[in-house]
């Protein structure tokens, strides 16, 4: 399946991607800004996520929360998300409502600052703080997704600090800080606009030019701090967190090649062999066989800069000790590191990944998001059409070589969550670098 992709750039720098598909009367509008927590100042963390909320609080011609009302009244859905190196906003609408989605995105890109007020900032700052309390601080295992990058990337690295930001930094954020961040990063020359689904090409081009063309291009952006890290940690890192959790849970991360490289596809297939669905090694061995884990998965972070992360996530079966669980997980990882994978395992992994990818690309919303992703990271949305071939070209030999190079004991970061009442620690080998912390 080849996806139609037509790309061009407006004079103000906005990269536009169009992908027509008249299968269903649905159109998706997807806008990626190339800014995430990695772009934040170390004394102002959390701004990218704060802006995910702020951009729904109105612009020059849209009242606070009216963005939601207009899209939903037109029969559509919408949302936004923030990640380490990008922020995106998206609407899925009946195809005859394309204009409202484009106009809303253009109005907040070009005319948000006139509507920015101290009251809105204070309100959304409190919303983000409550979100942190609810989804991170007071959620079982909720801090894993900020603790794991902090363990894997050194202090000062753009991926080290928390995506959601600290309470102190959110409190210190001034209106001028917020305005400066918006003016720097939320500009047409730092964005990709993708339209996918049932639309007429000429009309879409006309609407994009009318709504986005007048927006002034932004100034140059400050470069990211140095993203370079060594290919491996050089040792086994370890952090143990005692928290209000019912069962021990272990995350194991390894540094692997960044998204889009040959090594990435090998790591992605290795993760699928180890922990994707019921036929995976972890599921068959430690969940169904030994019954030391109640769930076990493996995946890649898909980071396109610095280093990617290969991650194993396992939760202990009741009455299984942390030492038993860790021994079982490390045994499977050692086996993969030492002996590699078989052609049959790679064939299964390829089939699962390719089926998932092709199925997702049949959805206008998913297609728009993937095209924005490749255009943002690589400047070319059509790379999406190469993904199946990239996986097919990655052999069992390639995956085994990646496992030997990157999945050994010299490249593992272990993050443990243990129940407070047990307050027993896993046995720590003498050469591990370890941190013991409370919740």
Protein backbone atom coordinates (compact mmCIF):
# COMPACT_ATOMS: atom_id res chain seq x y z
CA UNK A 1 0.00 0.00 0.00
CA UNK A 2 1.46 3.33 -1.11
CA UNK A 3 0.06 6.49 0.42
CA UNK A 4 -0.38 9.53 -1.82
CA UNK A 5 1.82 12.34 -0.51
CA UNK A 6 2.05 15.86 -1.89
CA UNK A 7 4.32 18.27 0.00
CA UNK A 8 5.16 21.93 -0.43
CA UNK A 9 6.33 24.87 1.67
CA UNK A 10 4.68 28.27 2.05
CA UNK A 11 6.86 31.41 1.78
CA UNK A 12 6.66 31.79 5.59
CA UNK A 13 8.26 28.36 6.05
CA UNK A 14 5.20 26.26 6.90
CA UNK A 15 5.71 22.72 5.59
CA UNK A 16 2.40 21.41 4.19
CA UNK A 17 1.62 17.75 3.50
CA UNK A 18 -1.52 16.61 1.65
CA UNK A 19 -2.71 13.00 1.41
CA UNK A 20 -6.04 12.47 -0.37
CA UNK A 21 -8.19 9.43 0.36
CA UNK A 22 -11.88 9.45 -0.52
CA UNK A 23 -12.67 6.12 1.17
CA UNK A 24 -14.72 7.79 3.92
CA UNK A 25 -16.14 11.33 4.29
CA UNK A 26 -13.59 12.20 6.99
CA UNK A 27 -10.68 14.65 6.96
CA UNK A 28 -7.87 15.00 9.50
CA UNK A 29 -5.96 18.20 10.24
CA UNK A 30 -2.70 17.58 12.07
CA UNK A 31 -0.18 20.22 13.13
CA UNK A 32 3.23 19.30 14.56
CA UNK A 33 5.45 21.95 16.14
CA UNK A 34 9.10 20.91 16.41
CA UNK A 35 9.30 21.77 20.09
CA UNK A 36 9.11 19.62 23.20
CA UNK A 37 10.54 19.44 26.67
CA UNK A 38 14.03 19.12 25.13
CA UNK A 39 13.82 22.77 24.02
CA UNK A 40 13.08 24.16 27.47
CA UNK A 41 15.46 26.14 29.66
CA UNK A 42 16.58 24.14 32.66
CA UNK A 43 15.05 26.75 34.97
CA UNK A 44 11.74 26.80 33.06
CA UNK A 45 10.81 23.16 32.54
CA UNK A 46 7.25 22.20 31.66
CA UNK A 47 6.62 24.99 29.14
CA UNK A 48 5.95 22.69 26.17
CA UNK A 49 3.31 20.78 28.13
CA UNK A 50 1.89 24.01 29.54
CA UNK A 51 1.41 25.22 25.97
CA UNK A 52 -0.52 22.09 25.10
CA UNK A 53 -3.11 23.52 27.49
CA UNK A 54 -2.63 27.21 26.71
CA UNK A 55 -3.31 26.79 23.00
CA UNK A 56 -6.86 25.68 23.77
CA UNK A 57 -7.54 28.84 25.80
CA UNK A 58 -8.43 31.09 22.90
CA UNK A 59 -6.81 33.40 20.37
CA UNK A 60 -7.68 36.75 18.84
CA UNK A 61 -10.90 35.47 17.24
CA UNK A 62 -11.65 32.46 19.45
CA UNK A 63 -12.81 32.57 23.05
CA UNK A 64 -11.40 30.29 25.76
CA UNK A 65 -12.59 26.71 25.17
CA UNK A 66 -14.41 27.79 21.99
CA UNK A 67 -11.97 25.71 19.94
CA UNK A 68 -13.49 22.59 21.51
CA UNK A 69 -17.03 23.86 21.06
CA UNK A 70 -16.64 24.73 17.37
CA UNK A 71 -15.03 21.42 16.44
CA UNK A 72 -17.50 19.33 18.41
CA UNK A 73 -20.44 21.29 17.04
CA UNK A 74 -19.15 20.50 13.53
CA UNK A 75 -19.20 16.79 14.40
CA UNK A 76 -15.47 16.44 14.97
CA UNK A 77 -12.98 15.44 17.64
CA UNK A 78 -9.74 17.10 18.70
CA UNK A 79 -6.86 16.96 21.12
CA UNK A 80 -3.17 17.69 21.57
CA UNK A 81 -0.10 15.95 22.99
CA UNK A 82 3.41 16.79 24.11
CA UNK A 83 6.56 14.72 23.82
CA UNK A 84 10.27 15.19 24.39
CA UNK A 85 10.91 16.76 20.99
CA UNK A 86 7.53 17.74 19.52
CA UNK A 87 4.06 19.05 20.32
CA UNK A 88 1.04 18.29 18.13
CA UNK A 89 -2.56 19.42 17.77
CA UNK A 90 -5.15 17.62 15.70
CA UNK A 91 -8.77 17.58 14.60
CA UNK A 92 -10.78 14.89 12.80
CA UNK A 93 -13.84 16.30 11.05
CA UNK A 94 -16.53 15.52 8.48
CA UNK A 95 -14.92 16.33 5.15
CA UNK A 96 -17.18 19.34 4.53
CA UNK A 97 -15.81 20.96 7.72
CA UNK A 98 -12.15 21.16 6.70
CA UNK A 99 -12.21 24.96 6.68
CA UNK A 100 -13.09 25.28 10.38
CA UNK A 101 -10.22 23.00 11.42
CA UNK A 102 -7.68 24.93 9.35
CA UNK A 103 -8.97 28.33 10.44
CA UNK A 104 -8.82 27.41 14.13
CA UNK A 105 -5.24 26.14 13.87
CA UNK A 106 -4.17 29.22 11.92
CA UNK A 107 -5.82 31.62 14.34
CA UNK A 108 -3.98 30.26 17.33
CA UNK A 109 -0.68 29.99 15.44
CA UNK A 110 -0.82 33.58 14.22
CA UNK A 111 -2.99 35.33 16.77
CA UNK A 112 -2.68 33.72 20.18
CA UNK A 113 -0.58 36.38 21.90
CA UNK A 114 -3.27 39.12 21.80
CA UNK A 115 -5.53 36.80 23.79
CA UNK A 116 -2.89 35.73 26.32
CA UNK A 117 -3.74 36.99 29.80
CA UNK A 118 -2.44 36.49 33.32
CA UNK A 119 -5.75 34.93 34.34
CA UNK A 120 -5.48 32.28 31.60
CA UNK A 121 -1.89 31.54 32.53
CA UNK A 122 -2.72 31.19 36.22
CA UNK A 123 -5.68 28.95 35.46
CA UNK A 124 -3.80 26.59 33.15
CA UNK A 125 -0.77 26.54 35.42
CA UNK A 126 -3.04 25.21 38.16
CA UNK A 127 -4.57 22.70 35.74
CA UNK A 128 -1.12 21.36 34.84
CA UNK A 129 -0.12 21.16 38.51
CA UNK A 130 -3.28 19.17 39.27
CA UNK A 131 -2.58 16.94 36.28
CA UNK A 132 0.87 16.26 37.66
CA UNK A 133 -0.57 15.42 41.10
CA UNK A 134 -3.22 13.15 39.59
CA UNK A 135 -1.37 11.38 36.78
CA UNK A 136 2.18 11.33 38.13
CA UNK A 137 2.71 11.97 41.83
CA UNK A 138 -0.39 10.16 43.12
CA UNK A 139 -0.59 7.46 40.45
CA UNK A 140 0.90 4.01 41.15
CA UNK A 141 4.16 3.80 39.18
CA UNK A 142 3.22 7.23 37.77
CA UNK A 143 6.73 8.68 37.86
CA UNK A 144 8.29 5.97 35.70
CA UNK A 145 8.15 7.94 32.47
CA UNK A 146 10.16 10.81 33.97
CA UNK A 147 12.47 8.73 36.15
CA UNK A 148 13.54 6.42 33.34
CA UNK A 149 14.83 9.15 30.94
CA UNK A 150 16.44 10.87 33.93
CA UNK A 151 18.30 7.64 34.69
CA UNK A 152 19.28 7.05 31.05
CA UNK A 153 20.39 10.58 30.10
CA UNK A 154 22.89 12.64 32.14
CA UNK A 155 21.94 15.83 33.99
CA UNK A 156 21.83 18.75 31.57
CA UNK A 157 20.95 16.56 28.60
CA UNK A 158 17.76 17.78 26.84
CA UNK A 159 16.00 14.46 27.56
CA UNK A 160 16.98 14.28 31.23
CA UNK A 161 14.38 16.51 32.87
CA UNK A 162 10.68 15.85 33.33
CA UNK A 163 8.37 16.48 30.38
CA UNK A 164 5.56 17.73 32.61
CA UNK A 165 7.93 20.07 34.48
CA UNK A 166 8.46 20.89 38.12
CA UNK A 167 5.98 22.63 40.41
CA UNK A 168 8.57 25.29 41.19
CA UNK A 169 9.24 26.13 37.55
CA UNK A 170 5.54 26.28 36.74
CA UNK A 171 5.03 28.66 39.65
CA UNK A 172 7.93 30.87 38.51
CA UNK A 173 6.70 31.17 34.90
CA UNK A 174 5.79 34.76 34.05
CA UNK A 175 3.54 36.04 31.30
CA UNK A 176 6.57 37.35 29.41
CA UNK A 177 8.32 33.96 29.74
CA UNK A 178 5.31 32.28 28.18
CA UNK A 179 4.98 34.87 25.40
CA UNK A 180 8.69 34.54 24.54
CA UNK A 181 8.43 30.74 24.36
CA UNK A 182 5.42 30.97 22.04
CA UNK A 183 7.05 33.56 19.77
CA UNK A 184 10.19 31.44 19.50
CA UNK A 185 8.73 28.01 18.76
CA UNK A 186 5.08 28.23 17.67
CA UNK A 187 5.82 29.71 14.28
CA UNK A 188 5.08 28.52 10.73
CA UNK A 189 8.74 27.83 9.96
CA UNK A 190 8.87 25.44 12.93
CA UNK A 191 5.71 23.52 12.03
CA UNK A 192 4.30 20.84 9.74
CA UNK A 193 0.64 20.96 8.72
CA UNK A 194 -0.80 17.71 7.37
CA UNK A 195 -4.24 17.22 5.85
CA UNK A 196 -5.29 13.61 5.21
CA UNK A 197 -8.52 12.04 4.07
CA UNK A 198 -11.48 13.17 1.99
CA UNK A 199 -10.72 16.64 0.61
CA UNK A 200 -10.36 18.31 -2.77
CA UNK A 201 -6.73 19.17 -3.47
CA UNK A 202 -7.19 22.59 -5.06
CA UNK A 203 -9.57 23.75 -2.34
CA UNK A 204 -7.24 22.56 0.43
CA UNK A 205 -4.31 24.43 -1.10
CA UNK A 206 -6.45 27.56 -1.36
CA UNK A 207 -7.59 27.35 2.27
CA UNK A 208 -4.06 26.76 3.56
CA UNK A 209 -2.79 29.80 1.64
CA UNK A 210 -5.68 31.97 2.85
CA UNK A 211 -5.46 31.05 6.53
CA UNK A 212 -1.75 30.34 7.08
CA UNK A 213 -0.09 32.38 4.35
CA UNK A 214 -0.35 35.77 6.13
CA UNK A 215 1.27 34.49 9.35
CA UNK A 216 4.74 35.98 9.79
CA UNK A 217 7.68 33.59 9.84
CA UNK A 218 9.51 33.32 13.15
CA UNK A 219 13.07 34.32 13.94
CA UNK A 220 15.86 31.80 14.29
CA UNK A 221 15.51 29.43 17.23
CA UNK A 222 18.22 28.68 19.79
CA UNK A 223 19.98 25.37 19.08
CA UNK A 224 19.33 22.38 21.28
CA UNK A 225 21.91 21.67 23.94
CA UNK A 226 24.33 18.88 23.00
CA UNK A 227 22.36 15.66 22.44
CA UNK A 228 25.42 13.41 22.21
CA UNK A 229 25.71 10.42 24.53
CA UNK A 230 27.89 7.33 24.40
CA UNK A 231 26.32 4.33 22.57
CA UNK A 232 26.23 2.37 25.85
CA UNK A 233 26.15 3.32 29.52
CA UNK A 234 29.39 1.49 30.24
CA UNK A 235 27.89 -0.26 33.26
CA UNK A 236 24.55 -1.31 34.75
CA UNK A 237 22.65 1.61 36.27
CA UNK A 238 20.00 1.10 38.92
CA UNK A 239 17.41 3.15 40.78
CA UNK A 240 15.06 1.73 43.42
CA UNK A 241 11.89 3.63 44.31
CA UNK A 242 9.79 2.71 47.33
CA UNK A 243 6.27 3.81 46.56
CA UNK A 244 2.59 3.16 47.31
CA UNK A 245 2.30 0.28 44.83
CA UNK A 246 0.78 -3.16 45.20
CA UNK A 247 3.34 -5.20 43.27
CA UNK A 248 7.01 -4.82 42.35
CA UNK A 249 7.52 -3.47 38.82
CA UNK A 250 10.76 -3.36 36.87
CA UNK A 251 11.80 -1.28 33.86
CA UNK A 252 15.01 -2.16 32.02
CA UNK A 253 16.30 0.31 29.42
CA UNK A 254 19.18 0.10 26.95
CA UNK A 255 20.52 2.83 24.68
CA UNK A 256 19.90 1.97 21.01
CA UNK A 257 20.23 3.77 17.63
CA UNK A 258 17.89 6.67 16.95
CA UNK A 259 14.61 6.45 15.08
CA UNK A 260 14.99 6.19 11.31
CA UNK A 261 18.45 4.56 11.25
CA UNK A 262 19.13 0.95 10.22
CA UNK A 263 19.90 0.14 13.85
CA UNK A 264 16.51 1.47 14.94
CA UNK A 265 14.64 -1.11 12.84
CA UNK A 266 16.81 -3.87 14.29
CA UNK A 267 16.05 -2.66 17.84
CA UNK A 268 12.34 -2.36 17.06
CA UNK A 269 12.25 -5.96 15.82
CA UNK A 270 14.24 -7.14 18.85
CA UNK A 271 11.68 -5.49 21.12
CA UNK A 272 8.86 -7.21 19.24
CA UNK A 273 10.55 -10.60 19.55
CA UNK A 274 11.07 -10.08 23.26
CA UNK A 275 7.83 -8.43 24.32
CA UNK A 276 5.16 -7.79 21.67
CA UNK A 277 1.92 -9.66 22.34
CA UNK A 278 1.26 -13.20 23.47
CA UNK A 279 3.74 -14.97 21.19
CA UNK A 280 6.71 -13.01 22.51
CA UNK A 281 9.54 -14.54 24.52
CA UNK A 282 8.70 -12.70 27.73
CA UNK A 283 5.03 -13.62 27.54
CA UNK A 284 5.77 -17.27 26.85
CA UNK A 285 8.59 -17.60 29.37
CA UNK A 286 8.02 -15.44 32.44
CA UNK A 287 4.27 -14.75 32.23
CA UNK A 288 2.79 -18.06 31.07
CA UNK A 289 5.67 -20.44 31.77
CA UNK A 290 7.42 -19.49 35.01
CA UNK A 291 4.51 -17.27 36.18
CA UNK A 292 6.82 -14.76 37.81
CA UNK A 293 5.30 -11.79 35.94
CA UNK A 294 1.67 -10.73 35.55
CA UNK A 295 2.51 -8.62 32.48
CA UNK A 296 5.59 -8.12 30.33
CA UNK A 297 6.19 -5.92 27.28
CA UNK A 298 9.12 -4.46 25.36
CA UNK A 299 9.17 -1.42 23.10
CA UNK A 300 11.32 1.43 21.78
CA UNK A 301 10.86 5.11 22.66
CA UNK A 302 11.34 6.09 18.99
CA UNK A 303 13.57 9.09 19.78
CA UNK A 304 15.05 10.72 16.68
CA UNK A 305 17.91 12.58 18.36
CA UNK A 306 20.84 11.63 20.60
CA UNK A 307 19.89 8.06 21.43
CA UNK A 308 16.77 5.94 21.42
CA UNK A 309 15.78 3.69 24.32
CA UNK A 310 14.90 -0.01 24.18
CA UNK A 311 12.63 -0.67 27.19
CA UNK A 312 11.34 -3.77 28.99
CA UNK A 313 8.40 -3.30 31.38
CA UNK A 314 7.41 -6.15 33.73
CA UNK A 315 5.19 -6.38 36.80
CA UNK A 316 5.66 -9.16 39.34
CA UNK A 317 3.13 -11.91 39.85
CA UNK A 318 1.75 -11.92 43.43
CA UNK A 319 4.13 -13.47 45.97
CA UNK A 320 7.08 -13.33 43.56
CA UNK A 321 10.10 -11.56 45.04
CA UNK A 322 11.92 -8.74 43.23
CA UNK A 323 15.04 -10.89 43.00
CA UNK A 324 13.09 -13.71 41.33
CA UNK A 325 11.54 -11.33 38.82
CA UNK A 326 14.81 -9.60 37.98
CA UNK A 327 16.62 -12.89 37.54
CA UNK A 328 13.98 -14.12 35.09
CA UNK A 329 13.98 -10.90 33.06
CA UNK A 330 17.76 -10.64 32.91
CA UNK A 331 18.01 -14.29 31.88
CA UNK A 332 15.79 -13.58 28.85
CA UNK A 333 17.74 -10.44 28.01
CA UNK A 334 21.05 -12.30 28.37
CA UNK A 335 19.75 -15.03 26.06
CA UNK A 336 18.81 -12.48 23.42
CA UNK A 337 22.16 -10.72 23.84
CA UNK A 338 24.17 -13.94 23.57
CA UNK A 339 22.28 -16.05 21.01
CA UNK A 340 20.32 -13.51 19.01
CA UNK A 341 17.04 -14.31 17.23
CA UNK A 342 15.78 -16.80 14.68
CA UNK A 343 14.38 -16.12 11.21
CA UNK A 344 11.01 -17.45 12.36
CA UNK A 345 10.90 -14.97 15.23
CA UNK A 346 11.77 -12.09 12.91
CA UNK A 347 9.10 -13.16 10.44
CA UNK A 348 6.50 -13.05 13.22
CA UNK A 349 7.76 -9.70 14.51
CA UNK A 350 7.74 -8.17 11.01
CA UNK A 351 4.19 -9.37 10.41
CA UNK A 352 2.91 -7.82 13.64
CA UNK A 353 4.65 -4.49 13.11
CA UNK A 354 3.73 -4.22 9.43
CA UNK A 355 0.09 -5.15 10.05
CA UNK A 356 -0.19 -2.55 12.79
CA UNK A 357 1.43 0.13 10.64
CA UNK A 358 -0.60 -0.55 7.49
CA UNK A 359 -3.83 -0.73 9.49
CA UNK A 360 -3.10 2.58 11.21
CA UNK A 361 -2.41 4.29 7.89
CA UNK A 362 -5.95 3.51 6.76
CA UNK A 363 -7.22 5.92 9.42
CA UNK A 364 -7.15 9.58 8.31
CA UNK A 365 -6.10 10.71 11.78
CA UNK A 366 -3.31 8.16 12.17
CA UNK A 367 -2.08 8.77 8.63
CA UNK A 368 -1.92 12.51 9.18
CA UNK A 369 0.02 12.01 12.42
CA UNK A 370 2.57 9.67 10.82
CA UNK A 371 3.10 11.97 7.85
CA UNK A 372 3.63 14.93 10.19
CA UNK A 373 6.09 12.82 12.15
CA UNK A 374 8.33 11.98 9.19
CA UNK A 375 8.11 15.50 7.78
CA UNK A 376 9.07 16.99 11.15
CA UNK A 377 11.99 14.69 11.88
CA UNK A 378 13.35 14.16 8.37
CA UNK A 379 11.79 16.86 6.19
CA UNK A 380 10.11 14.26 3.99
CA UNK A 381 6.65 12.83 4.72
CA UNK A 382 6.96 10.28 1.90
CA UNK A 383 9.43 8.31 4.05
CA UNK A 384 6.29 6.80 5.58
CA UNK A 385 5.97 4.75 2.38
CA UNK A 386 9.38 3.17 3.01
CA UNK A 387 8.65 1.78 6.48
CA UNK A 388 7.45 -1.68 5.49
CA UNK A 389 10.44 -2.10 3.17
CA UNK A 390 12.85 -0.99 5.93
CA UNK A 391 11.54 -3.71 8.24
CA UNK A 392 11.61 -6.31 5.44
CA UNK A 393 15.24 -5.41 4.71
CA UNK A 394 16.26 -5.98 8.34
CA UNK A 395 17.37 -9.58 8.79
CA UNK A 396 17.71 -11.86 11.79
CA UNK A 397 21.47 -11.38 11.44
CA UNK A 398 21.02 -7.60 11.77
CA UNK A 399 18.85 -7.99 14.86
CA UNK A 400 21.25 -10.44 16.47
CA UNK A 401 24.15 -8.05 15.85
CA UNK A 402 22.20 -5.20 17.47
CA UNK A 403 21.47 -7.41 20.47
CA UNK A 404 25.14 -8.28 20.88
CA UNK A 405 26.21 -4.64 20.63
CA UNK A 406 23.53 -2.91 22.70
CA UNK A 407 21.69 -5.29 25.03
CA UNK A 408 24.54 -6.46 27.23
CA UNK A 409 25.19 -5.86 30.93
CA UNK A 410 27.26 -2.76 30.07
CA UNK A 411 24.19 -1.01 28.68
CA UNK A 412 21.31 -1.56 31.09
CA UNK A 413 19.44 0.86 33.34
CA UNK A 414 17.15 -0.81 35.89
CA UNK A 415 14.32 1.19 37.47
CA UNK A 416 12.54 -0.62 40.29
CA UNK A 417 9.26 0.28 42.00
CA UNK A 418 8.80 -1.62 45.27
CA UNK A 419 5.88 -1.56 47.75
CA UNK A 420 6.45 0.67 50.76
CA UNK A 421 5.33 -1.89 53.31
CA UNK A 422 7.86 -4.46 52.16
CA UNK A 423 10.79 -2.04 52.17
CA UNK A 424 13.02 -4.83 50.94
CA UNK A 425 15.53 -4.09 48.21
CA UNK A 426 16.67 -6.21 45.32
CA UNK A 427 20.13 -7.68 45.59
CA UNK A 428 22.56 -5.25 43.95
CA UNK A 429 25.67 -6.57 42.15
CA UNK A 430 28.81 -4.80 43.29
CA UNK A 431 29.50 -3.17 39.91
CA UNK A 432 26.03 -1.61 39.53
CA UNK A 433 25.63 2.14 39.88
CA UNK A 434 22.69 2.47 42.25
CA UNK A 435 20.37 5.11 43.69
CA UNK A 436 17.82 4.31 46.42
CA UNK A 437 15.01 6.84 46.72
CA UNK A 438 11.62 7.27 48.29
CA UNK A 439 8.43 8.02 46.43
